[in-house]
N, C-alpha and C. Protein backbone atom coordinates (compact mmCIF):
# COMPACT_ATOMS: atom_id res chain seq x y z
N MET A 1 -46.42 28.29 -29.26
CA MET A 1 -45.11 27.68 -29.39
C MET A 1 -45.25 26.17 -29.34
N ILE A 2 -44.50 25.50 -30.17
CA ILE A 2 -44.54 24.05 -30.20
C ILE A 2 -43.12 23.50 -30.07
N ASP A 3 -43.02 22.38 -29.40
CA ASP A 3 -41.75 21.68 -29.24
C ASP A 3 -41.93 20.30 -29.88
N ILE A 4 -40.95 19.85 -30.61
CA ILE A 4 -41.02 18.54 -31.26
C ILE A 4 -39.88 17.68 -30.72
N GLN A 5 -40.21 16.55 -30.16
CA GLN A 5 -39.20 15.59 -29.72
C GLN A 5 -39.23 14.40 -30.67
N ILE A 6 -38.04 13.96 -31.05
CA ILE A 6 -37.89 12.78 -31.89
C ILE A 6 -37.16 11.74 -31.06
N GLU A 7 -37.74 10.56 -30.97
CA GLU A 7 -37.13 9.47 -30.21
C GLU A 7 -36.98 8.25 -31.11
N GLU A 8 -35.82 7.64 -31.06
CA GLU A 8 -35.58 6.42 -31.82
C GLU A 8 -35.71 5.23 -30.89
N ALA A 9 -36.70 4.40 -31.11
CA ALA A 9 -36.85 3.15 -30.38
C ALA A 9 -36.26 2.05 -31.27
N VAL A 10 -36.18 0.86 -30.76
CA VAL A 10 -35.61 -0.25 -31.52
C VAL A 10 -36.43 -0.53 -32.78
N ASP A 11 -37.76 -0.52 -32.63
CA ASP A 11 -38.63 -0.94 -33.73
C ASP A 11 -39.32 0.19 -34.49
N TYR A 12 -39.18 1.43 -34.03
CA TYR A 12 -39.88 2.53 -34.67
C TYR A 12 -39.30 3.87 -34.21
N THR A 13 -39.70 4.92 -34.90
CA THR A 13 -39.33 6.30 -34.56
C THR A 13 -40.59 7.01 -34.07
N VAL A 14 -40.43 7.80 -33.01
CA VAL A 14 -41.56 8.55 -32.45
C VAL A 14 -41.35 10.04 -32.70
N CYS A 15 -42.36 10.69 -33.25
CA CYS A 15 -42.40 12.14 -33.38
C CYS A 15 -43.44 12.62 -32.37
N ARG A 16 -43.00 13.40 -31.39
CA ARG A 16 -43.89 13.81 -30.30
C ARG A 16 -43.95 15.34 -30.23
N PRO A 17 -44.94 15.95 -30.91
CA PRO A 17 -45.12 17.39 -30.76
C PRO A 17 -45.77 17.71 -29.41
N SER A 18 -45.40 18.85 -28.85
CA SER A 18 -46.00 19.32 -27.60
C SER A 18 -46.42 20.77 -27.81
N GLY A 19 -47.71 21.04 -27.67
CA GLY A 19 -48.25 22.37 -27.88
C GLY A 19 -49.31 22.34 -28.96
N ASP A 20 -49.91 23.49 -29.22
CA ASP A 20 -50.95 23.59 -30.23
C ASP A 20 -50.38 23.40 -31.63
N LEU A 21 -51.06 22.63 -32.44
CA LEU A 21 -50.71 22.48 -33.86
C LEU A 21 -51.70 23.33 -34.64
N ASP A 22 -51.26 24.55 -34.95
CA ASP A 22 -52.14 25.49 -35.64
C ASP A 22 -51.35 26.21 -36.71
N ALA A 23 -51.99 27.17 -37.34
CA ALA A 23 -51.36 27.90 -38.45
C ALA A 23 -50.04 28.56 -38.05
N TYR A 24 -49.88 28.89 -36.77
CA TYR A 24 -48.67 29.56 -36.32
C TYR A 24 -47.51 28.61 -36.08
N SER A 25 -47.81 27.36 -35.73
CA SER A 25 -46.75 26.43 -35.37
C SER A 25 -46.57 25.29 -36.36
N VAL A 26 -47.43 25.19 -37.34
CA VAL A 26 -47.45 24.03 -38.21
C VAL A 26 -46.17 23.87 -39.03
N GLY A 27 -45.48 24.95 -39.32
CA GLY A 27 -44.25 24.85 -40.11
C GLY A 27 -43.19 23.99 -39.43
N VAL A 28 -43.04 24.13 -38.14
CA VAL A 28 -42.06 23.34 -37.38
C VAL A 28 -42.44 21.86 -37.42
N PHE A 29 -43.73 21.57 -37.27
CA PHE A 29 -44.23 20.20 -37.32
C PHE A 29 -44.02 19.61 -38.71
N ARG A 30 -44.35 20.37 -39.73
CA ARG A 30 -44.19 19.91 -41.11
C ARG A 30 -42.72 19.59 -41.41
N GLU A 31 -41.81 20.45 -40.96
CA GLU A 31 -40.38 20.20 -41.18
C GLU A 31 -39.91 18.93 -40.49
N ALA A 32 -40.39 18.70 -39.26
CA ALA A 32 -40.02 17.48 -38.54
C ALA A 32 -40.51 16.25 -39.29
N LEU A 33 -41.75 16.29 -39.76
CA LEU A 33 -42.29 15.16 -40.51
C LEU A 33 -41.54 14.96 -41.83
N ASN A 34 -41.13 16.03 -42.47
CA ASN A 34 -40.34 15.92 -43.70
C ASN A 34 -39.03 15.18 -43.45
N ARG A 35 -38.38 15.50 -42.32
CA ARG A 35 -37.11 14.83 -41.98
C ARG A 35 -37.31 13.35 -41.67
N LEU A 36 -38.51 12.98 -41.27
CA LEU A 36 -38.80 11.59 -40.90
C LEU A 36 -39.47 10.80 -42.01
N ALA A 37 -39.56 11.36 -43.19
CA ALA A 37 -40.31 10.75 -44.29
C ALA A 37 -39.78 9.38 -44.70
N THR A 38 -38.53 9.07 -44.44
CA THR A 38 -37.98 7.78 -44.83
C THR A 38 -37.97 6.77 -43.68
N SER A 39 -38.63 7.11 -42.59
CA SER A 39 -38.72 6.18 -41.46
C SER A 39 -39.54 4.96 -41.86
N PRO A 40 -39.03 3.76 -41.62
CA PRO A 40 -39.81 2.57 -41.97
C PRO A 40 -41.06 2.40 -41.11
N ARG A 41 -40.98 2.85 -39.85
CA ARG A 41 -42.12 2.79 -38.93
C ARG A 41 -42.12 4.08 -38.12
N LEU A 42 -43.10 4.92 -38.37
CA LEU A 42 -43.19 6.20 -37.69
C LEU A 42 -44.44 6.24 -36.81
N VAL A 43 -44.24 6.67 -35.57
CA VAL A 43 -45.35 6.87 -34.65
C VAL A 43 -45.44 8.37 -34.38
N ILE A 44 -46.59 8.94 -34.62
CA ILE A 44 -46.82 10.36 -34.33
C ILE A 44 -47.67 10.40 -33.06
N ASP A 45 -47.05 10.85 -31.98
CA ASP A 45 -47.70 10.84 -30.67
C ASP A 45 -48.28 12.22 -30.38
N LEU A 46 -49.60 12.33 -30.44
CA LEU A 46 -50.29 13.59 -30.22
C LEU A 46 -50.76 13.78 -28.78
N SER A 47 -50.22 12.99 -27.86
CA SER A 47 -50.66 13.03 -26.46
C SER A 47 -50.47 14.40 -25.81
N ASN A 48 -49.49 15.16 -26.27
CA ASN A 48 -49.21 16.48 -25.68
C ASN A 48 -49.67 17.63 -26.57
N VAL A 49 -50.64 17.35 -27.44
CA VAL A 49 -51.19 18.38 -28.33
C VAL A 49 -52.62 18.68 -27.86
N PRO A 50 -52.83 19.82 -27.20
CA PRO A 50 -54.17 20.14 -26.71
C PRO A 50 -55.13 20.63 -27.80
N PHE A 51 -54.59 21.14 -28.91
CA PHE A 51 -55.43 21.73 -29.95
C PHE A 51 -54.78 21.52 -31.31
N MET A 52 -55.61 21.18 -32.32
CA MET A 52 -55.12 21.08 -33.69
C MET A 52 -56.17 21.66 -34.62
N ASP A 53 -55.75 22.59 -35.50
CA ASP A 53 -56.68 23.14 -36.47
C ASP A 53 -56.45 22.48 -37.83
N SER A 54 -57.08 22.99 -38.86
CA SER A 54 -56.99 22.39 -40.19
C SER A 54 -55.56 22.42 -40.73
N ALA A 55 -54.78 23.42 -40.36
CA ALA A 55 -53.39 23.47 -40.82
C ALA A 55 -52.59 22.31 -40.22
N GLY A 56 -52.81 22.04 -38.94
CA GLY A 56 -52.14 20.93 -38.29
C GLY A 56 -52.57 19.60 -38.87
N LEU A 57 -53.86 19.46 -39.13
CA LEU A 57 -54.38 18.24 -39.74
C LEU A 57 -53.80 18.04 -41.14
N GLY A 58 -53.69 19.12 -41.89
CA GLY A 58 -53.10 19.03 -43.23
C GLY A 58 -51.63 18.61 -43.19
N ALA A 59 -50.88 19.14 -42.23
CA ALA A 59 -49.48 18.75 -42.09
C ALA A 59 -49.37 17.28 -41.70
N LEU A 60 -50.27 16.83 -40.85
CA LEU A 60 -50.28 15.44 -40.42
C LEU A 60 -50.55 14.52 -41.61
N VAL A 61 -51.54 14.83 -42.40
CA VAL A 61 -51.88 14.04 -43.59
C VAL A 61 -50.70 14.05 -44.58
N GLY A 62 -50.10 15.21 -44.80
CA GLY A 62 -48.96 15.29 -45.72
C GLY A 62 -47.78 14.46 -45.25
N GLY A 63 -47.51 14.49 -43.96
CA GLY A 63 -46.41 13.71 -43.40
C GLY A 63 -46.65 12.22 -43.56
N ILE A 64 -47.88 11.81 -43.30
CA ILE A 64 -48.22 10.39 -43.45
C ILE A 64 -48.08 9.97 -44.91
N ARG A 65 -48.53 10.80 -45.80
CA ARG A 65 -48.43 10.49 -47.24
C ARG A 65 -46.98 10.29 -47.66
N ARG A 66 -46.08 11.16 -47.18
CA ARG A 66 -44.67 11.05 -47.56
C ARG A 66 -44.03 9.77 -47.01
N VAL A 67 -44.38 9.40 -45.79
CA VAL A 67 -43.85 8.15 -45.22
C VAL A 67 -44.34 6.96 -46.03
N ARG A 68 -45.60 6.97 -46.36
CA ARG A 68 -46.15 5.86 -47.15
C ARG A 68 -45.56 5.80 -48.55
N GLU A 69 -45.29 6.95 -49.16
CA GLU A 69 -44.66 6.97 -50.48
C GLU A 69 -43.28 6.32 -50.44
N ALA A 70 -42.63 6.40 -49.27
CA ALA A 70 -41.31 5.79 -49.09
C ALA A 70 -41.44 4.36 -48.56
N GLU A 71 -42.66 3.78 -48.67
CA GLU A 71 -42.94 2.41 -48.25
C GLU A 71 -42.89 2.21 -46.74
N GLY A 72 -43.06 3.30 -45.97
CA GLY A 72 -43.07 3.21 -44.52
C GLY A 72 -44.48 3.00 -43.98
N ARG A 73 -44.55 2.74 -42.70
CA ARG A 73 -45.83 2.55 -42.01
C ARG A 73 -45.96 3.61 -40.93
N VAL A 74 -47.20 4.01 -40.65
CA VAL A 74 -47.45 5.09 -39.69
C VAL A 74 -48.59 4.69 -38.76
N ALA A 75 -48.45 5.11 -37.50
CA ALA A 75 -49.54 5.01 -36.53
C ALA A 75 -49.58 6.32 -35.76
N VAL A 76 -50.76 6.68 -35.29
CA VAL A 76 -50.93 7.91 -34.52
C VAL A 76 -51.41 7.53 -33.12
N VAL A 77 -50.73 8.08 -32.12
CA VAL A 77 -51.16 7.90 -30.73
C VAL A 77 -51.92 9.16 -30.35
N CYS A 78 -53.15 8.96 -29.87
CA CYS A 78 -53.98 10.10 -29.47
C CYS A 78 -54.90 9.67 -28.35
N SER A 79 -54.67 10.23 -27.17
CA SER A 79 -55.49 9.88 -26.02
C SER A 79 -56.39 11.04 -25.59
N ARG A 80 -56.31 12.15 -26.29
CA ARG A 80 -57.15 13.32 -25.95
C ARG A 80 -58.49 13.20 -26.66
N PRO A 81 -59.59 13.17 -25.89
CA PRO A 81 -60.91 13.00 -26.50
C PRO A 81 -61.24 14.03 -27.58
N SER A 82 -60.85 15.28 -27.38
CA SER A 82 -61.18 16.31 -28.37
C SER A 82 -60.46 16.05 -29.70
N LEU A 83 -59.21 15.65 -29.64
CA LEU A 83 -58.47 15.36 -30.88
C LEU A 83 -58.93 14.05 -31.50
N THR A 84 -59.20 13.07 -30.67
CA THR A 84 -59.69 11.79 -31.19
C THR A 84 -61.00 12.01 -31.93
N ARG A 85 -61.87 12.83 -31.37
CA ARG A 85 -63.14 13.15 -32.02
C ARG A 85 -62.89 13.84 -33.37
N LEU A 86 -61.96 14.78 -33.41
CA LEU A 86 -61.62 15.45 -34.67
C LEU A 86 -61.12 14.44 -35.71
N LEU A 87 -60.23 13.55 -35.30
CA LEU A 87 -59.66 12.58 -36.22
C LEU A 87 -60.74 11.61 -36.74
N HIS A 88 -61.67 11.22 -35.88
CA HIS A 88 -62.75 10.33 -36.32
C HIS A 88 -63.75 11.08 -37.20
N THR A 89 -64.09 12.31 -36.85
CA THR A 89 -65.06 13.10 -37.61
C THR A 89 -64.57 13.37 -39.03
N THR A 90 -63.28 13.61 -39.17
CA THR A 90 -62.71 13.91 -40.49
C THR A 90 -62.38 12.66 -41.29
N GLY A 91 -62.61 11.47 -40.71
CA GLY A 91 -62.33 10.24 -41.42
C GLY A 91 -60.87 9.84 -41.39
N PHE A 92 -60.11 10.53 -40.60
CA PHE A 92 -58.67 10.27 -40.51
C PHE A 92 -58.38 8.84 -40.06
N ASP A 93 -59.24 8.31 -39.21
CA ASP A 93 -59.04 6.96 -38.69
C ASP A 93 -59.20 5.88 -39.77
N ARG A 94 -59.67 6.26 -40.94
CA ARG A 94 -59.77 5.31 -42.04
C ARG A 94 -58.48 5.23 -42.85
N ILE A 95 -57.58 6.20 -42.68
CA ILE A 95 -56.34 6.17 -43.45
C ILE A 95 -55.13 5.76 -42.63
N VAL A 96 -55.25 5.82 -41.31
CA VAL A 96 -54.12 5.46 -40.45
C VAL A 96 -54.66 4.96 -39.11
N PRO A 97 -54.00 3.97 -38.52
CA PRO A 97 -54.46 3.51 -37.21
C PRO A 97 -54.27 4.57 -36.14
N ILE A 98 -55.29 4.74 -35.31
CA ILE A 98 -55.21 5.66 -34.18
C ILE A 98 -55.31 4.80 -32.93
N ILE A 99 -54.29 4.90 -32.09
CA ILE A 99 -54.25 4.12 -30.87
C ILE A 99 -54.15 5.06 -29.67
N GLU A 100 -54.56 4.57 -28.51
CA GLU A 100 -54.58 5.42 -27.33
C GLU A 100 -53.26 5.45 -26.59
N SER A 101 -52.42 4.45 -26.80
CA SER A 101 -51.20 4.35 -26.01
C SER A 101 -50.05 3.85 -26.87
N LEU A 102 -48.88 4.35 -26.58
CA LEU A 102 -47.67 3.89 -27.27
C LEU A 102 -47.43 2.41 -27.01
N ASP A 103 -47.98 1.88 -25.93
CA ASP A 103 -47.83 0.46 -25.61
C ASP A 103 -48.45 -0.44 -26.68
N ASP A 104 -49.42 0.07 -27.44
CA ASP A 104 -50.12 -0.73 -28.44
C ASP A 104 -49.52 -0.64 -29.84
N VAL A 105 -48.47 0.12 -30.00
CA VAL A 105 -47.99 0.41 -31.35
C VAL A 105 -47.41 -0.82 -32.05
N LEU A 106 -46.72 -1.66 -31.35
CA LEU A 106 -46.14 -2.84 -32.01
C LEU A 106 -47.22 -3.77 -32.53
N ASP A 107 -48.34 -3.86 -31.81
CA ASP A 107 -49.46 -4.68 -32.29
C ASP A 107 -49.97 -4.15 -33.62
N VAL A 108 -50.05 -2.85 -33.75
CA VAL A 108 -50.52 -2.24 -35.00
C VAL A 108 -49.54 -2.52 -36.13
N PHE A 109 -48.25 -2.39 -35.87
CA PHE A 109 -47.27 -2.62 -36.92
C PHE A 109 -47.16 -4.09 -37.30
N GLU A 110 -47.47 -4.98 -36.39
CA GLU A 110 -47.44 -6.41 -36.70
C GLU A 110 -48.65 -6.85 -37.50
N ASP A 111 -49.75 -6.11 -37.37
CA ASP A 111 -50.97 -6.42 -38.12
C ASP A 111 -50.79 -5.92 -39.55
N THR A 112 -50.70 -6.81 -40.50
CA THR A 112 -50.42 -6.42 -41.88
C THR A 112 -51.58 -5.70 -42.55
N SER A 113 -52.78 -5.75 -41.95
CA SER A 113 -53.91 -5.04 -42.56
C SER A 113 -53.90 -3.56 -42.21
N GLU A 114 -53.15 -3.18 -41.19
CA GLU A 114 -53.04 -1.76 -40.78
C GLU A 114 -51.77 -1.18 -41.40
N VAL A 115 -51.84 0.07 -41.80
CA VAL A 115 -50.66 0.71 -42.36
C VAL A 115 -50.41 2.03 -41.69
């Protein structure tokens, strides 16, 4: 089971899934990202995701692509070593900034070289 929280901050929107992102729960995550596709600045906070399989990774990539197609910017918060390793191993960190804390997100959005 997965729970998705959406929070509107002054400078960005946060999508915070809680639970495993796998083939069984990915539909809920994908729908949430679809609803947020027009966000000018989207932060996907994976801090409460203990496990992600290829279906979850695919939904994440698709969501990021849709935000970028709408001229938005995306950052991913990930402080779990196992997920961070997955994101680095798959080259995900080359397409979107991965930060350890929500406190660093404004720095990423202010840096014009990061998207």
